[in-house]
């Protein structure tokens, strides 16, 4: 009898266990909650990987453009300028494709304008580079569009489980619904945490790709103008002074 009373008193004085933490809520959700969380977490890490790799790739192309502006057009011709560019770079590919198209034009048997042939070749090369730069952005757009709904799926399941638990126990107290409702809120928050950065990353990378495409389009037009004019038309390089023609010597008359 005394032992029973002491045990009851010890149980009453003990601190109640915390059943409202994250791990408890996820464990109550079972395989559905954990599967949803794993999917969203995987989408988040893949999105971050795409973001960092694309920023590195874009910055590399931007740095190449700075070199094009500084040294390429100072060369005597396109082949010399291409030799100064990094191999397997975007702008080196544009120049190499333009020179290849010029060589191929001489072998054509059907009549076609040289301008149209060169322009088409440069455009295809530019489209290929833009396609490579845009790789992975579709996944970011997909994550931004679907992650909230995946989180919403976990939310609906959590609320449904809370209603089932209330119906089974006949009790709508906090202790009854804390686990399922907590799980539902976690899924909603996780879906937003994954979606919002993906949308921001997609828009930012798209804007940088657009700027790169504009730079490449201008460079392609300069290369096309150079080839179409046999080197007579080329852009002016800032910082390089044109040679100034010397003034003719002034004739002097001898005094009598």
C-alpha atoms as a PDB file:
ATOM      1  CA  UNK A   1       0.000   0.000   0.000  1.00  0.00           C
ATOM      2  CA  UNK A   2       2.771   2.427   1.003  1.00  0.00           C
ATOM      3  CA  UNK A   3       4.769   1.510  -2.088  1.00  0.00           C
ATOM      4  CA  UNK A   4       1.787   2.260  -4.318  1.00  0.00           C
ATOM      5  CA  UNK A   5       1.272   5.694  -2.739  1.00  0.00           C
ATOM      6  CA  UNK A   6       4.962   6.624  -3.110  1.00  0.00           C
ATOM      7  CA  UNK A   7       5.005   5.525  -6.736  1.00  0.00           C
ATOM      8  CA  UNK A   8       1.920   7.602  -7.462  1.00  0.00           C
ATOM      9  CA  UNK A   9       3.472  10.642  -5.790  1.00  0.00           C
ATOM     10  CA  UNK A  10       6.690  10.263  -7.774  1.00  0.00           C
ATOM     11  CA  UNK A  11       4.757  10.007 -11.013  1.00  0.00           C
ATOM     12  CA  UNK A  12       2.765  13.125 -10.161  1.00  0.00           C
ATOM     13  CA  UNK A  13       5.904  15.112  -9.347  1.00  0.00           C
ATOM     14  CA  UNK A  14       7.810  14.081 -12.467  1.00  0.00           C
ATOM     15  CA  UNK A  15       8.019  16.606 -15.318  1.00  0.00           C
ATOM     16  CA  UNK A  16       5.705  15.776 -18.219  1.00  0.00           C
ATOM     17  CA  UNK A  17       7.416  14.478 -21.343  1.00  0.00           C
ATOM     18  CA  UNK A  18       7.570  16.914 -24.246  1.00  0.00           C
ATOM     19  CA  UNK A  19       5.475  15.348 -26.983  1.00  0.00           C
ATOM     20  CA  UNK A  20       5.309  18.431 -29.195  1.00  0.00           C
ATOM     21  CA  UNK A  21       8.822  18.481 -30.643  1.00  0.00           C
ATOM     22  CA  UNK A  22       9.726  18.112 -34.329  1.00  0.00           C
ATOM     23  CA  UNK A  23      10.888  14.513 -34.152  1.00  0.00           C
ATOM     24  CA  UNK A  24       7.772  13.394 -32.309  1.00  0.00           C
ATOM     25  CA  UNK A  25       5.512  15.096 -34.845  1.00  0.00           C
ATOM     26  CA  UNK A  26       7.352  13.486 -37.761  1.00  0.00           C
ATOM     27  CA  UNK A  27       7.281  10.060 -36.121  1.00  0.00           C
ATOM     28  CA  UNK A  28       3.539  10.352 -35.657  1.00  0.00           C
ATOM     29  CA  UNK A  29       3.206  11.156 -39.349  1.00  0.00           C
ATOM     30  CA  UNK A  30       4.875   7.881 -40.229  1.00  0.00           C
ATOM     31  CA  UNK A  31       6.124   6.977 -43.680  1.00  0.00           C
ATOM     32  CA  UNK A  32       4.047   9.636 -45.445  1.00  0.00           C
ATOM     33  CA  UNK A  33       5.505  12.487 -43.389  1.00  0.00           C
ATOM     34  CA  UNK A  34       9.070  11.227 -43.677  1.00  0.00           C
ATOM     35  CA  UNK A  35       8.733  10.538 -47.420  1.00  0.00           C
ATOM     36  CA  UNK A  36       7.389  14.041 -48.042  1.00  0.00           C
ATOM     37  CA  UNK A  37      10.167  15.594 -45.973  1.00  0.00           C
ATOM     38  CA  UNK A  38      12.857  13.561 -47.757  1.00  0.00           C
ATOM     39  CA  UNK A  39      11.507  14.524 -51.192  1.00  0.00           C
ATOM     40  CA  UNK A  40      11.414  18.224 -50.315  1.00  0.00           C
ATOM     41  CA  UNK A  41      14.868  18.110 -48.748  1.00  0.00           C
ATOM     42  CA  UNK A  42      16.257  16.404 -51.841  1.00  0.00           C
ATOM     43  CA  UNK A  43      14.682  19.059 -54.059  1.00  0.00           C
ATOM     44  CA  UNK A  44      16.265  21.761 -51.897  1.00  0.00           C
ATOM     45  CA  UNK A  45      19.783  20.324 -52.118  1.00  0.00           C
ATOM     46  CA  UNK A  46      19.525  19.749 -55.874  1.00  0.00           C
ATOM     47  CA  UNK A  47      18.304  23.331 -56.327  1.00  0.00           C
ATOM     48  CA  UNK A  48      21.262  24.667 -54.352  1.00  0.00           C
ATOM     49  CA  UNK A  49      23.653  22.525 -56.407  1.00  0.00           C
ATOM     50  CA  UNK A  50      22.208  23.884 -59.656  1.00  0.00           C
ATOM     51  CA  UNK A  51      22.394  27.438 -58.326  1.00  0.00           C
ATOM     52  CA  UNK A  52      26.070  27.280 -57.389  1.00  0.00           C
ATOM     53  CA  UNK A  53      27.175  25.425 -60.527  1.00  0.00           C
ATOM     54  CA  UNK A  54      25.278  27.801 -62.814  1.00  0.00           C
ATOM     55  CA  UNK A  55      26.668  30.881 -61.081  1.00  0.00           C
ATOM     56  CA  UNK A  56      30.187  29.492 -61.577  1.00  0.00           C
ATOM     57  CA  UNK A  57      29.482  28.686 -65.233  1.00  0.00           C
ATOM     58  CA  UNK A  58      27.937  32.088 -65.933  1.00  0.00           C
ATOM     59  CA  UNK A  59      30.743  33.967 -64.227  1.00  0.00           C
ATOM     60  CA  UNK A  60      33.260  32.080 -66.339  1.00  0.00           C
ATOM     61  CA  UNK A  61      31.528  33.212 -69.545  1.00  0.00           C
ATOM     62  CA  UNK A  62      31.314  36.797 -68.267  1.00  0.00           C
ATOM     63  CA  UNK A  63      35.035  36.816 -67.554  1.00  0.00           C
ATOM     64  CA  UNK A  64      35.665  35.493 -71.065  1.00  0.00           C
ATOM     65  CA  UNK A  65      33.712  38.427 -72.495  1.00  0.00           C
ATOM     66  CA  UNK A  66      35.956  40.872 -70.631  1.00  0.00           C
ATOM     67  CA  UNK A  67      38.959  39.235 -72.285  1.00  0.00           C
ATOM     68  CA  UNK A  68      37.251  39.442 -75.675  1.00  0.00           C
ATOM     69  CA  UNK A  69      36.753  43.175 -75.258  1.00  0.00           C
ATOM     70  CA  UNK A  70      40.321  43.739 -74.097  1.00  0.00           C
ATOM     71  CA  UNK A  71      42.482  41.605 -76.409  1.00  0.00           C
ATOM     72  CA  UNK A  72      40.496  39.868 -79.155  1.00  0.00           C
ATOM     73  CA  UNK A  73      39.858  42.754 -81.528  1.00  0.00           C
ATOM     74  CA  UNK A  74      43.413  44.012 -81.176  1.00  0.00           C
ATOM     75  CA  UNK A  75      44.580  40.987 -83.180  1.00  0.00           C
ATOM     76  CA  UNK A  76      45.357  41.143 -86.857  1.00  0.00           C
ATOM     77  CA  UNK A  77      42.645  38.657 -87.859  1.00  0.00           C
ATOM     78  CA  UNK A  78      40.108  36.264 -86.377  1.00  0.00           C
ATOM     79  CA  UNK A  79      42.453  33.296 -86.228  1.00  0.00           C
ATOM     80  CA  UNK A  80      45.029  35.247 -84.256  1.00  0.00           C
ATOM     81  CA  UNK A  81      42.302  36.546 -81.968  1.00  0.00           C
ATOM     82  CA  UNK A  82      40.900  33.058 -81.411  1.00  0.00           C
ATOM     83  CA  UNK A  83      44.341  31.829 -80.377  1.00  0.00           C
ATOM     84  CA  UNK A  84      44.288  34.346 -77.516  1.00  0.00           C
ATOM     85  CA  UNK A  85      41.004  32.992 -76.146  1.00  0.00           C
ATOM     86  CA  UNK A  86      40.675  30.057 -73.783  1.00  0.00           C
ATOM     87  CA  UNK A  87      40.091  26.725 -75.500  1.00  0.00           C
ATOM     88  CA  UNK A  88      36.591  25.238 -75.179  1.00  0.00           C
ATOM     89  CA  UNK A  89      35.246  28.635 -74.116  1.00  0.00           C
ATOM     90  CA  UNK A  90      31.973  30.072 -75.393  1.00  0.00           C
ATOM     91  CA  UNK A  91      33.494  32.891 -77.430  1.00  0.00           C
ATOM     92  CA  UNK A  92      36.235  30.657 -78.806  1.00  0.00           C
ATOM     93  CA  UNK A  93      33.486  28.311 -79.999  1.00  0.00           C
ATOM     94  CA  UNK A  94      31.699  31.181 -81.762  1.00  0.00           C
ATOM     95  CA  UNK A  95      34.853  32.236 -83.597  1.00  0.00           C
ATOM     96  CA  UNK A  96      35.817  28.676 -84.531  1.00  0.00           C
ATOM     97  CA  UNK A  97      32.322  27.978 -85.864  1.00  0.00           C
ATOM     98  CA  UNK A  98      32.395  31.205 -87.877  1.00  0.00           C
ATOM     99  CA  UNK A  99      35.750  30.332 -89.447  1.00  0.00           C
ATOM    100  CA  UNK A 100      34.544  26.802 -90.171  1.00  0.00           C
ATOM    101  CA  UNK A 101      31.421  28.179 -91.838  1.00  0.00           C
ATOM    102  CA  UNK A 102      33.572  30.472 -93.967  1.00  0.00           C
ATOM    103  CA  UNK A 103      35.665  27.521 -95.130  1.00  0.00           C
ATOM    104  CA  UNK A 104      32.570  25.411 -95.797  1.00  0.00           C
ATOM    105  CA  UNK A 105      30.967  28.161 -97.864  1.00  0.00           C
ATOM    106  CA  UNK A 106      33.711  27.808-100.444  1.00  0.00           C
ATOM    107  CA  UNK A 107      32.736  24.152-100.927  1.00  0.00           C
ATOM    108  CA  UNK A 108      29.010  24.785-101.502  1.00  0.00           C
ATOM    109  CA  UNK A 109      27.670  23.922-104.938  1.00  0.00           C
ATOM    110  CA  UNK A 110      24.212  25.518-104.656  1.00  0.00           C
ATOM    111  CA  UNK A 111      24.091  29.322-104.781  1.00  0.00           C
ATOM    112  CA  UNK A 112      23.462  30.956-101.402  1.00  0.00           C
ATOM    113  CA  UNK A 113      24.311  34.334 -99.959  1.00  0.00           C
ATOM    114  CA  UNK A 114      27.472  34.264 -97.874  1.00  0.00           C
ATOM    115  CA  UNK A 115      25.837  36.555 -95.311  1.00  0.00           C
ATOM    116  CA  UNK A 116      22.904  34.173 -94.826  1.00  0.00           C
ATOM    117  CA  UNK A 117      25.187  31.159 -94.530  1.00  0.00           C
ATOM    118  CA  UNK A 118      27.473  32.787 -91.970  1.00  0.00           C
ATOM    119  CA  UNK A 119      24.580  34.267 -90.008  1.00  0.00           C
ATOM    120  CA  UNK A 120      22.852  30.885 -89.779  1.00  0.00           C
ATOM    121  CA  UNK A 121      26.027  29.179 -88.585  1.00  0.00           C
ATOM    122  CA  UNK A 122      26.668  31.816 -85.917  1.00  0.00           C
ATOM    123  CA  UNK A 123      23.060  31.666 -84.771  1.00  0.00           C
ATOM    124  CA  UNK A 124      23.200  27.881 -84.371  1.00  0.00           C
ATOM    125  CA  UNK A 125      26.411  28.168 -82.382  1.00  0.00           C
ATOM    126  CA  UNK A 126      24.906  30.843 -80.175  1.00  0.00           C
ATOM    127  CA  UNK A 127      21.748  28.794 -79.607  1.00  0.00           C
ATOM    128  CA  UNK A 128      23.856  25.817 -78.541  1.00  0.00           C
ATOM    129  CA  UNK A 129      25.713  27.901 -75.960  1.00  0.00           C
ATOM    130  CA  UNK A 130      22.495  29.438 -74.641  1.00  0.00           C
ATOM    131  CA  UNK A 131      20.973  25.978 -74.330  1.00  0.00           C
ATOM    132  CA  UNK A 132      23.938  24.799 -72.269  1.00  0.00           C
ATOM    133  CA  UNK A 133      23.689  27.836 -69.996  1.00  0.00           C
ATOM    134  CA  UNK A 134      19.973  27.204 -69.520  1.00  0.00           C
ATOM    135  CA  UNK A 135      20.428  23.598 -68.459  1.00  0.00           C
ATOM    136  CA  UNK A 136      18.980  22.896 -65.022  1.00  0.00           C
ATOM    137  CA  UNK A 137      16.797  25.998 -64.898  1.00  0.00           C
ATOM    138  CA  UNK A 138      13.736  23.953 -65.822  1.00  0.00           C
ATOM    139  CA  UNK A 139      14.256  21.926 -62.650  1.00  0.00           C
ATOM    140  CA  UNK A 140      14.325  25.125 -60.577  1.00  0.00           C
ATOM    141  CA  UNK A 141      11.072  26.235 -62.177  1.00  0.00           C
ATOM    142  CA  UNK A 142       9.540  22.830 -61.477  1.00  0.00           C
ATOM    143  CA  UNK A 143      10.623  22.965 -57.837  1.00  0.00           C
ATOM    144  CA  UNK A 144       9.239  26.462 -57.425  1.00  0.00           C
ATOM    145  CA  UNK A 145       5.903  25.399 -58.874  1.00  0.00           C
ATOM    146  CA  UNK A 146       5.466  22.000 -57.206  1.00  0.00           C
ATOM    147  CA  UNK A 147       7.185  22.208 -53.802  1.00  0.00           C
ATOM    148  CA  UNK A 148       4.309  24.120 -52.134  1.00  0.00           C
ATOM    149  CA  UNK A 149       1.842  21.503 -53.344  1.00  0.00           C
ATOM    150  CA  UNK A 150       4.012  18.642 -52.133  1.00  0.00           C
ATOM    151  CA  UNK A 151       4.120  20.360 -48.756  1.00  0.00           C
ATOM    152  CA  UNK A 152       0.368  20.876 -48.980  1.00  0.00           C
ATOM    153  CA  UNK A 153      -0.070  17.146 -49.498  1.00  0.00           C
ATOM    154  CA  UNK A 154       1.708  16.537 -46.195  1.00  0.00           C
ATOM    155  CA  UNK A 155      -0.452  19.235 -44.609  1.00  0.00           C
ATOM    156  CA  UNK A 156      -3.681  17.615 -45.770  1.00  0.00           C
ATOM    157  CA  UNK A 157      -2.547  14.213 -44.524  1.00  0.00           C
ATOM    158  CA  UNK A 158      -1.627  15.686 -41.133  1.00  0.00           C
ATOM    159  CA  UNK A 159      -4.990  17.409 -40.728  1.00  0.00           C
ATOM    160  CA  UNK A 160      -6.800  14.260 -41.831  1.00  0.00           C
ATOM    161  CA  UNK A 161      -4.927  12.250 -39.215  1.00  0.00           C
ATOM    162  CA  UNK A 162      -5.828  14.844 -36.573  1.00  0.00           C
ATOM    163  CA  UNK A 163      -9.524  14.504 -37.418  1.00  0.00           C
ATOM    164  CA  UNK A 164      -9.321  10.716 -37.284  1.00  0.00           C
ATOM    165  CA  UNK A 165      -7.611  10.890 -33.895  1.00  0.00           C
ATOM    166  CA  UNK A 166     -10.268  13.249 -32.539  1.00  0.00           C
ATOM    167  CA  UNK A 167     -13.015  10.941 -33.765  1.00  0.00           C
ATOM    168  CA  UNK A 168     -11.365   7.855 -32.315  1.00  0.00           C
ATOM    169  CA  UNK A 169     -10.627   9.324 -28.884  1.00  0.00           C
ATOM    170  CA  UNK A 170     -13.554  11.723 -28.662  1.00  0.00           C
ATOM    171  CA  UNK A 171     -11.201  14.399 -27.362  1.00  0.00           C
ATOM    172  CA  UNK A 172     -10.148  17.596 -29.153  1.00  0.00           C
ATOM    173  CA  UNK A 173      -7.546  18.688 -26.603  1.00  0.00           C
ATOM    174  CA  UNK A 174      -4.114  20.023 -27.520  1.00  0.00           C
ATOM    175  CA  UNK A 175      -2.481  16.792 -26.467  1.00  0.00           C
ATOM    176  CA  UNK A 176      -4.631  14.857 -28.918  1.00  0.00           C
ATOM    177  CA  UNK A 177      -4.112  16.966 -32.039  1.00  0.00           C
ATOM    178  CA  UNK A 178      -0.666  18.474 -31.367  1.00  0.00           C
ATOM    179  CA  UNK A 179       1.210  15.746 -33.219  1.00  0.00           C
ATOM    180  CA  UNK A 180      -0.834  15.633 -36.443  1.00  0.00           C
ATOM    181  CA  UNK A 181      -1.324  19.414 -36.603  1.00  0.00           C
ATOM    182  CA  UNK A 182       2.369  20.000 -35.902  1.00  0.00           C
ATOM    183  CA  UNK A 183       3.229  17.619 -38.716  1.00  0.00           C
ATOM    184  CA  UNK A 184       0.866  19.515 -41.033  1.00  0.00           C
ATOM    185  CA  UNK A 185       2.475  22.872 -40.225  1.00  0.00           C
ATOM    186  CA  UNK A 186       5.962  21.443 -40.695  1.00  0.00           C
ATOM    187  CA  UNK A 187       5.072  20.199 -44.175  1.00  0.00           C
ATOM    188  CA  UNK A 188       3.658  23.606 -45.141  1.00  0.00           C
ATOM    189  CA  UNK A 189       6.749  25.438 -43.910  1.00  0.00           C
ATOM    190  CA  UNK A 190       9.134  22.990 -45.572  1.00  0.00           C
ATOM    191  CA  UNK A 191       7.350  23.326 -48.904  1.00  0.00           C
ATOM    192  CA  UNK A 192       7.720  27.119 -48.783  1.00  0.00           C
ATOM    193  CA  UNK A 193      11.358  26.925 -47.679  1.00  0.00           C
ATOM    194  CA  UNK A 194      12.111  24.818 -50.753  1.00  0.00           C
ATOM    195  CA  UNK A 195       9.970  26.736 -53.264  1.00  0.00           C
ATOM    196  CA  UNK A 196      10.855  30.360 -52.520  1.00  0.00           C
ATOM    197  CA  UNK A 197      14.664  30.064 -52.993  1.00  0.00           C
ATOM    198  CA  UNK A 198      14.115  28.036 -56.170  1.00  0.00           C
ATOM    199  CA  UNK A 199      11.934  30.787 -57.662  1.00  0.00           C
ATOM    200  CA  UNK A 200      14.420  33.512 -56.740  1.00  0.00           C
ATOM    201  CA  UNK A 201      17.318  31.461 -58.139  1.00  0.00           C
ATOM    202  CA  UNK A 202      15.447  30.761 -61.381  1.00  0.00           C
ATOM    203  CA  UNK A 203      14.639  34.430 -62.017  1.00  0.00           C
ATOM    204  CA  UNK A 204      18.150  35.606 -61.125  1.00  0.00           C
ATOM    205  CA  UNK A 205      19.890  33.021 -63.305  1.00  0.00           C
ATOM    206  CA  UNK A 206      17.520  33.760 -66.173  1.00  0.00           C
ATOM    207  CA  UNK A 207      18.393  37.454 -65.968  1.00  0.00           C
ATOM    208  CA  UNK A 208      22.117  36.691 -66.040  1.00  0.00           C
ATOM    209  CA  UNK A 209      21.643  34.332 -69.002  1.00  0.00           C
ATOM    210  CA  UNK A 210      19.795  37.090 -70.841  1.00  0.00           C
ATOM    211  CA  UNK A 211      22.690  39.490 -70.277  1.00  0.00           C
ATOM    212  CA  UNK A 212      25.169  36.870 -71.519  1.00  0.00           C
ATOM    213  CA  UNK A 213      23.016  36.193 -74.594  1.00  0.00           C
ATOM    214  CA  UNK A 214      22.971  39.910 -75.411  1.00  0.00           C
ATOM    215  CA  UNK A 215      26.763  40.090 -75.168  1.00  0.00           C
ATOM    216  CA  UNK A 216      27.174  37.039 -77.404  1.00  0.00           C
ATOM    217  CA  UNK A 217      24.683  38.415 -79.930  1.00  0.00           C
ATOM    218  CA  UNK A 218      26.679  41.631 -80.192  1.00  0.00           C
ATOM    219  CA  UNK A 219      29.929  39.699 -80.553  1.00  0.00           C
ATOM    220  CA  UNK A 220      28.392  37.463 -83.241  1.00  0.00           C
ATOM    221  CA  UNK A 221      27.284  40.520 -85.206  1.00  0.00           C
ATOM    222  CA  UNK A 222      30.799  41.946 -84.992  1.00  0.00           C
ATOM    223  CA  UNK A 223      32.290  38.676 -86.247  1.00  0.00           C
ATOM    224  CA  UNK A 224      29.726  38.532 -89.050  1.00  0.00           C
ATOM    225  CA  UNK A 225      30.519  42.097 -90.081  1.00  0.00           C
ATOM    226  CA  UNK A 226      34.226  41.311 -90.084  1.00  0.00           C
ATOM    227  CA  UNK A 227      33.805  38.239 -92.286  1.00  0.00           C
ATOM    228  CA  UNK A 228      31.290  39.852 -94.636  1.00  0.00           C
ATOM    229  CA  UNK A 229      33.605  42.831 -95.222  1.00  0.00           C
ATOM    230  CA  UNK A 230      36.836  40.829 -95.480  1.00  0.00           C
ATOM    231  CA  UNK A 231      38.147  42.427 -92.320  1.00  0.00           C
ATOM    232  CA  UNK A 232      37.396  46.049 -93.208  1.00  0.00           C
ATOM    233  CA  UNK A 233      34.649  46.360 -90.571  1.00  0.00           C
ATOM    234  CA  UNK A 234      35.596  45.744 -86.964  1.00  0.00           C
ATOM    235  CA  UNK A 235      34.499  47.273 -83.653  1.00  0.00           C
ATOM    236  CA  UNK A 236      36.563  49.978 -82.051  1.00  0.00           C
ATOM    237  CA  UNK A 237      38.556  48.874 -79.021  1.00  0.00           C
ATOM    238  CA  UNK A 238      38.333  51.296 -76.144  1.00  0.00           C
ATOM    239  CA  UNK A 239      41.609  52.389 -74.676  1.00  0.00           C
ATOM    240  CA  UNK A 240      43.523  51.834 -77.922  1.00  0.00           C
ATOM    241  CA  UNK A 241      44.409  55.047 -79.694  1.00  0.00           C
ATOM    242  CA  UNK A 242      44.259  55.139 -83.439  1.00  0.00           C
ATOM    243  CA  UNK A 243      47.472  56.182 -85.140  1.00  0.00           C
ATOM    244  CA  UNK A 244      47.408  59.885 -85.924  1.00  0.00           C
ATOM    245  CA  UNK A 245      48.632  60.902 -89.334  1.00  0.00           C
ATOM    246  CA  UNK A 246      51.630  63.170 -89.195  1.00  0.00           C
ATOM    247  CA  UNK A 247      51.170  66.678 -90.516  1.00  0.00           C
ATOM    248  CA  UNK A 248      53.177  67.495 -93.639  1.00  0.00           C
ATOM    249  CA  UNK A 249      56.246  69.663 -93.009  1.00  0.00           C
ATOM    250  CA  UNK A 250      55.710  73.366 -93.450  1.00  0.00           C
ATOM    251  CA  UNK A 251      57.634  74.758 -96.362  1.00  0.00           C
ATOM    252  CA  UNK A 252      59.949  77.607 -95.460  1.00  0.00           C
ATOM    253  CA  UNK A 253      61.167  80.308 -97.801  1.00  0.00           C
ATOM    254  CA  UNK A 254      64.724  81.471 -97.649  1.00  0.00           C
ATOM    255  CA  UNK A 255      65.242  85.143 -96.893  1.00  0.00           C
ATOM    256  CA  UNK A 256      66.880  87.233 -99.567  1.00  0.00           C
END
